[in-house]
Each structure stands twice: as structure tokens, then as C-alpha cells.
Protein backbone atom coordinates (compact mmCIF):
# COMPACT_ATOMS: atom_id res chain seq x y z
CA MET A 1 -24.42 -13.98 -9.57
CA ALA A 2 -25.07 -10.89 -11.44
CA ALA A 3 -24.94 -8.89 -8.15
CA ALA A 4 -21.71 -10.39 -7.25
CA ALA A 5 -20.17 -9.87 -10.57
CA ALA A 6 -21.24 -6.28 -10.32
CA THR A 7 -19.17 -5.80 -7.08
CA GLU A 8 -16.01 -7.40 -8.54
CA PRO A 9 -13.39 -4.71 -9.08
CA LYS A 10 -11.99 -4.18 -12.57
CA VAL A 11 -8.39 -5.39 -12.86
CA ILE A 12 -5.86 -3.52 -14.88
CA ALA A 13 -2.27 -4.28 -15.79
CA VAL A 14 0.02 -1.60 -14.46
CA TRP A 15 2.66 -1.76 -17.29
CA PRO A 16 1.62 -1.73 -21.01
CA GLY A 17 3.75 -4.65 -21.98
CA SER A 18 6.26 -6.86 -19.86
CA PRO A 19 7.23 -5.21 -16.68
CA PRO A 20 11.00 -3.85 -17.04
CA GLY A 21 13.47 -6.11 -15.44
CA SER A 22 11.36 -9.38 -15.31
CA GLU A 23 10.51 -9.96 -18.93
CA SER A 24 11.57 -13.62 -18.71
CA TRP A 25 9.47 -14.39 -15.50
CA ASN A 26 6.73 -16.90 -16.60
CA TYR A 27 6.01 -19.04 -13.60
CA GLU A 28 2.48 -19.10 -12.26
CA GLU A 29 0.84 -16.68 -9.74
CA ARG A 30 -0.47 -18.63 -6.77
CA GLU A 31 -3.24 -17.91 -4.33
CA THR A 32 -3.58 -19.81 -0.82
CA THR A 33 -5.52 -19.56 2.37
CA GLY A 34 -4.25 -20.93 5.67
CA PRO A 35 -3.39 -23.31 7.18
CA GLN A 36 -2.46 -21.27 10.25
CA ASP A 37 -5.13 -18.59 9.64
CA THR A 38 -7.71 -17.52 7.25
CA MET A 39 -5.70 -15.01 5.41
CA ARG A 40 -5.77 -15.08 1.56
CA ARG A 41 -2.28 -14.73 0.16
CA VAL A 42 -1.03 -14.27 -3.30
CA SER A 43 2.50 -15.15 -4.26
CA ASN A 44 4.65 -15.42 -7.56
CA VAL A 45 3.33 -12.04 -8.81
CA THR A 46 5.06 -11.51 -12.35
CA ARG A 47 2.52 -9.38 -13.90
CA PRO A 48 1.59 -6.38 -11.48
CA THR A 49 -2.15 -5.27 -11.61
CA ILE A 50 -4.38 -2.71 -9.89
CA ALA A 51 -7.80 -3.78 -8.72
CA VAL A 52 -10.27 -0.78 -9.24
CA TYR A 53 -12.63 0.08 -6.36
CA LEU A 54 -14.69 3.19 -7.00
CA PRO A 55 -17.02 4.58 -4.15
CA ASP A 56 -20.71 5.43 -4.72
CA ALA A 57 -20.90 8.51 -6.99
CA SER A 58 -23.16 10.27 -4.29
CA ILE A 59 -20.37 10.15 -1.68
CA ALA A 60 -17.29 10.49 -3.92
CA THR A 61 -14.82 13.10 -2.88
CA GLY A 62 -12.41 12.93 -5.84
CA THR A 63 -9.72 11.56 -3.44
CA ALA A 64 -7.90 8.24 -4.37
CA VAL A 65 -5.46 6.00 -2.72
CA VAL A 66 -3.09 3.23 -4.10
CA ILE A 67 -2.85 0.36 -1.69
CA CYS A 68 0.22 -1.63 -1.32
CA PRO A 69 -0.32 -4.90 0.78
CA GLY A 70 2.32 -6.42 2.75
CA GLY A 71 3.80 -9.84 2.88
CA GLY A 72 7.59 -9.65 3.13
CA PHE A 73 8.14 -9.53 -0.68
CA ARG A 74 7.27 -13.23 -0.71
CA TRP A 75 3.49 -12.99 -0.86
CA LEU A 76 0.67 -10.29 -0.63
CA SER A 77 -2.05 -9.98 2.15
CA VAL A 78 -4.71 -9.05 -0.52
CA ASP A 79 -7.59 -8.84 1.88
CA ASN A 80 -6.55 -7.72 5.38
CA GLU A 81 -4.24 -5.18 3.91
CA GLY A 82 -5.80 -4.79 0.48
CA ALA A 83 -9.43 -5.29 -0.61
CA ASP A 84 -10.81 -4.74 3.15
CA VAL A 85 -8.90 -1.43 3.08
CA ALA A 86 -10.23 -0.57 -0.33
CA ARG A 87 -13.93 -1.18 0.72
CA TRP A 88 -13.33 0.88 3.95
CA LEU A 89 -11.91 3.87 1.78
CA ASN A 90 -15.00 3.55 -0.60
CA SER A 91 -17.37 3.94 2.40
CA ILE A 92 -15.87 7.33 3.16
CA GLY A 93 -16.09 8.55 -0.55
CA VAL A 94 -12.36 7.61 -1.57
CA ALA A 95 -11.40 5.75 -4.65
CA ALA A 96 -9.03 2.88 -4.08
CA PHE A 97 -6.64 0.72 -6.24
CA VAL A 98 -5.18 -2.47 -4.72
CA LEU A 99 -1.74 -2.94 -6.18
CA LYS A 100 -0.48 -6.40 -6.81
CA TYR A 101 3.36 -5.59 -7.05
CA ARG A 102 6.09 -8.18 -8.05
CA VAL A 103 7.31 -10.32 -5.41
CA MET A 104 10.18 -13.07 -5.20
CA ARG A 105 9.50 -16.73 -6.45
CA THR A 106 8.53 -19.15 -3.93
CA GLU A 107 7.65 -22.77 -3.86
CA ALA A 108 4.47 -24.21 -2.25
CA GLY A 109 5.21 -25.69 1.17
CA VAL A 110 8.96 -24.89 1.10
CA GLU A 111 10.42 -22.67 3.72
CA MET A 112 12.95 -20.22 2.52
CA GLU A 113 16.34 -19.69 4.13
CA ARG A 114 17.02 -16.23 5.56
CA ALA A 115 20.06 -15.80 2.94
CA LYS A 116 17.74 -16.65 -0.03
CA ILE A 117 15.06 -14.25 1.30
CA ASN A 118 17.53 -11.35 1.55
CA GLU A 119 18.94 -12.31 -1.88
CA GLY A 120 15.36 -12.33 -3.32
CA ARG A 121 14.55 -9.05 -1.70
CA LYS A 122 17.48 -7.23 -3.44
CA ILE A 123 16.16 -8.38 -6.63
CA VAL A 124 12.35 -7.49 -6.24
CA GLU A 125 12.40 -4.43 -3.94
CA PRO A 126 13.58 -2.06 -6.88
CA MET A 127 10.75 -3.73 -9.13
CA ALA A 128 8.15 -3.32 -6.43
CA LEU A 129 9.02 0.29 -6.15
CA ALA A 130 8.80 0.80 -9.91
CA ASP A 131 5.33 -0.92 -9.81
CA GLY A 132 4.30 1.43 -7.05
CA GLN A 133 5.53 4.38 -9.04
CA GLN A 134 3.85 3.05 -12.27
CA ALA A 135 0.60 2.50 -10.42
CA MET A 136 0.55 6.07 -9.44
CA ARG A 137 1.04 7.16 -12.98
CA LEU A 138 -1.83 4.95 -14.27
CA VAL A 139 -4.16 6.13 -11.72
CA ARG A 140 -3.42 9.71 -12.51
CA ALA A 141 -3.75 9.01 -16.26
CA HIS A 142 -7.09 7.69 -15.70
CA ALA A 143 -8.35 10.18 -13.13
CA GLY A 144 -10.85 11.77 -15.52
CA GLU A 145 -12.35 8.47 -16.32
CA TRP A 146 -12.64 7.36 -12.57
CA GLY A 147 -13.71 10.73 -11.21
CA ILE A 148 -10.61 11.63 -9.42
CA SER A 149 -8.84 14.92 -9.01
CA LYS A 150 -5.24 14.46 -10.16
CA ASP A 151 -3.77 16.43 -7.17
CA ARG A 152 -5.65 14.19 -4.55
CA ILE A 153 -4.01 10.86 -5.26
CA GLY A 154 -2.14 9.24 -2.26
CA ILE A 155 -0.53 5.83 -1.52
CA ILE A 156 -0.90 3.61 1.65
CA GLY A 157 1.29 0.38 2.26
CA PHE A 158 1.57 -2.24 5.06
CA SER A 159 4.91 -3.63 6.15
CA ALA A 160 6.79 -4.46 2.94
CA GLY A 161 4.15 -2.56 1.24
CA GLY A 162 5.02 0.33 3.51
CA LEU A 163 8.45 0.15 2.01
CA VAL A 164 6.86 0.57 -1.40
CA ALA A 165 4.70 3.44 -0.27
CA SER A 166 7.45 5.18 1.57
CA GLY A 167 9.81 4.47 -1.52
CA VAL A 168 7.21 6.12 -3.78
CA ALA A 169 6.95 9.22 -1.32
CA LEU A 170 10.85 9.38 -1.44
CA GLN A 171 11.50 8.76 -5.04
CA HIS A 172 8.98 9.95 -7.87
CA ASP A 173 8.60 12.00 -10.95
CA ALA A 174 5.89 14.66 -11.50
CA GLU A 175 3.28 11.92 -12.71
CA SER A 176 4.15 9.37 -9.84
CA ARG A 177 4.33 11.92 -6.97
CA PRO A 178 1.97 10.98 -4.19
CA ASP A 179 -0.14 14.04 -2.91
CA PHE A 180 -0.09 12.15 0.58
CA ALA A 181 1.41 8.90 1.90
CA ALA A 182 0.33 6.53 4.75
CA PRO A 183 3.18 3.76 5.53
CA ILE A 184 1.53 1.72 8.13
CA TYR A 185 3.96 -0.47 10.09
CA PRO A 186 6.49 0.07 7.20
CA ASP A 187 9.83 -1.57 6.51
CA ILE A 188 12.01 1.56 5.55
CA PRO A 189 15.72 1.99 4.52
CA GLU A 190 18.30 3.04 7.04
CA ASN A 191 18.94 6.52 5.51
CA VAL A 192 16.05 8.65 4.75
CA THR A 193 16.16 12.06 2.94
CA PRO A 194 12.67 13.62 2.00
CA PRO A 195 12.56 15.08 -1.41
CA ALA A 196 12.08 18.88 -1.93
CA ASP A 197 8.43 18.15 -2.97
CA ALA A 198 7.60 15.65 -0.19
CA ALA A 199 4.01 15.20 0.56
CA PRO A 200 2.19 14.95 4.01
CA LEU A 201 2.81 11.71 5.92
CA PHE A 202 0.54 9.65 8.19
CA LEU A 203 2.04 6.81 10.20
CA VAL A 204 0.80 3.93 12.30
CA HIS A 205 2.83 1.43 14.36
CA ALA A 206 2.57 -0.80 17.43
CA ASN A 207 5.02 -0.50 20.11
CA ASP A 208 5.07 -4.22 20.59
CA ASP A 209 5.90 -5.04 16.91
CA LYS A 210 8.43 -7.78 17.21
CA SER A 211 8.89 -8.28 13.41
CA VAL A 212 11.70 -6.83 11.28
CA THR A 213 9.78 -3.50 11.17
CA PRO A 214 9.91 -2.25 14.79
CA PHE A 215 8.33 1.11 15.54
CA GLU A 216 11.60 2.88 15.15
CA HIS A 217 11.03 2.61 11.30
CA SER A 218 8.06 4.97 11.65
CA VAL A 219 9.88 7.06 14.06
CA ARG A 220 12.75 7.56 11.58
CA LEU A 221 10.38 8.50 8.90
CA TYR A 222 8.41 10.87 11.04
CA GLU A 223 11.57 12.76 12.29
CA ALA A 224 13.03 12.99 8.73
CA TRP A 225 9.65 14.67 7.71
CA LYS A 226 9.65 17.01 10.57
CA LYS A 227 13.31 18.04 10.05
CA ALA A 228 12.38 18.81 6.56
CA GLY A 229 9.36 21.00 7.75
CA VAL A 230 6.94 18.80 5.91
CA SER A 231 3.59 17.81 7.72
CA ALA A 232 3.61 14.51 9.30
CA GLU A 233 1.43 12.55 11.94
CA LEU A 234 2.58 9.44 13.89
CA HIS A 235 0.40 7.16 15.97
CA ILE A 236 2.23 4.42 18.02
CA TYR A 237 -0.24 2.03 19.88
CA ALA A 238 1.01 0.22 22.91
CA GLN A 239 -0.38 -3.22 21.61
CA GLY A 240 -0.97 -4.38 18.15
CA GLY A 241 1.99 -6.48 17.02
CA HIS A 242 2.71 -6.76 13.37
CA GLY A 243 0.28 -7.26 10.41
CA PHE A 244 -2.91 -6.03 12.17
CA GLY A 245 -4.18 -4.42 9.04
CA MET A 246 -8.03 -4.04 9.16
CA ARG A 247 -8.52 -6.92 11.75
CA LYS A 248 -10.49 -6.07 14.93
CA ARG A 249 -9.11 -7.56 17.95
CA GLY A 250 -10.59 -5.40 20.81
CA LEU A 251 -7.54 -3.13 21.00
CA PRO A 252 -7.11 0.54 20.57
CA VAL A 253 -5.10 -0.04 17.56
CA ASP A 254 -8.33 -1.27 15.84
CA THR A 255 -9.35 2.41 15.54
CA TRP A 256 -6.39 3.38 13.20
CA PRO A 257 -8.56 3.65 10.32
CA GLU A 258 -10.76 6.17 12.10
CA ARG A 259 -7.58 8.32 12.87
CA PHE A 260 -6.71 7.98 9.20
CA ARG A 261 -10.02 9.32 8.21
CA ASP A 262 -9.78 12.21 10.72
CA TRP A 263 -6.25 13.00 9.21
CA LEU A 264 -7.69 12.92 5.61
CA GLY A 265 -10.41 15.19 6.78
CA ALA A 266 -8.09 17.70 8.40
CA GLN A 267 -6.07 17.66 4.92
CA GLY A 268 -9.39 18.71 3.19
CA LEU A 269 -9.43 15.43 1.22
CA LEU A 270 -12.88 14.28 2.13
CA LYS A 271 -14.79 17.24 0.87
CA PRO A 272 -15.74 16.91 -2.69
CA ALA A 273 -13.14 18.38 -4.84
CA HIS A 274 -15.58 20.25 -7.13
């Protein structure tokens, strides 16, 4: 029990008080698994948090990544696109912070109509973006305590979380600016204009993604970055579908984390900062 407790990540509230815009939200957060799969989902998030995963000090690089799981803004895939990513990043010396951002309210066992989902997204998307920006500020503020370099803090996001990650890359202040960003099969807005201080981008998608986030989303981001003269790398795999995250299925897309590691290395982010 003591060993298990030692591996549990520290969880910190993203906002010092009630998150702006949802002060009156008081419904209960819910965690479910299955029945169609073994994926753990967290829904009805009203109080955003980050779970802190720090690498062994002997291999720590000083680089850090805020992780934004996906789930269509209805729930969060907190393992496959969260904790599993964090542990892998720790294995290569990178500190990781899994963000639970605000999502729309859902009822157990009740299928939402498309119109209600769209309505809910309009409300929570700006809140989720604000949570992503605030998570970046929080990690940067604690950089000294966590052994992180303030200029080596990035953000990665999957699907809806990719919208959060790309949103932070597109809109930020000095304290919330990511030093690099990795939207993975992201959902992104129609019009993309990189800011003057845009950070390098790493993108992954599957050609056979039949969800609401086809590969053209990543292509649009890549082209916008290249047009602006900012470094970007894009990987499109023939097979993989949507939501592959860290799952291994015997496909070339399984190796995307290794490509991300290669890219981080090429950016100089896997060498100790000091």
C-alpha cells in the first residue's frame, strides 16, 4: 500500500478559487469504465486539476509537458490519453501534468442529441481553453519546485484535448505561452492564424480517421505554421483511426511516441537544461 501511495501523482487545483464562468456548477464528477471497452472516462468535471508526474531525478531533463486528454468535451480519456502518456514522458526524463479541464454536463446512460452536444461545446470550449492556459501558468509558476526550466514547457492534446492544446498555442500571454505544442488528431477551428510568437509544432493523425477530426485538421495547422515560417512536423499514418492514444495495435501508428521523442531530441529538449 505504501509503495502504491508513493506512485500516486499529486493533484493540484488549476484555479486558486472557483473557475471563472462556472462558479455555480456544483454537480458531481463521475468516473466510469466500459461497458464497450476498458477505457476509464471522467465526466462532469467542474473543478479543473493537474496531476503531477515527475521523472526520476537521475534522468530529468528540465522539460515539461501539460497533457490534455480527449473525449469530445463530454468526458476525458484520463489513461490512454493522460496518465499513460505521462508515465511514458517520465521514462524519457520529461515532467508531465495531466490536465482535467472542464467538460459539459452529462447524465449516466443518457445519449445526448447532436444539437445539445453542439450547444454544450459552445459553452465549455472557451472554459477548457482557459483551463489549458491556466495550467501552463501554474506549471511555469512551480518550475523551480518541480525542477523544470521555465522555457521548456510544452503542451500536448488529443482530439478535443488537441483543440485545447492548439488553442493555447494560438492564444496565450507570456506566462501561458507553450514553448512547443503537440496536437494529436486534433479538433481545430476553421481559421488558423499563428501568433507572432508561435512555438514549434508536432502533429500526428491517421489517414483513416473517420471522426469529426479528419486528417485535414492537422494539415491545416501544419500549413498555417509553415506559411508563417515557424517550425512544424507532421506525421500522417495510413491506418490508426481515431483515439489511438498510447494503445498498441500492431500498426505503424503505434510508434508515434518514438517519433515524438525523436522530435523532442531534435529540438534539444531531451538534454539536461543545466
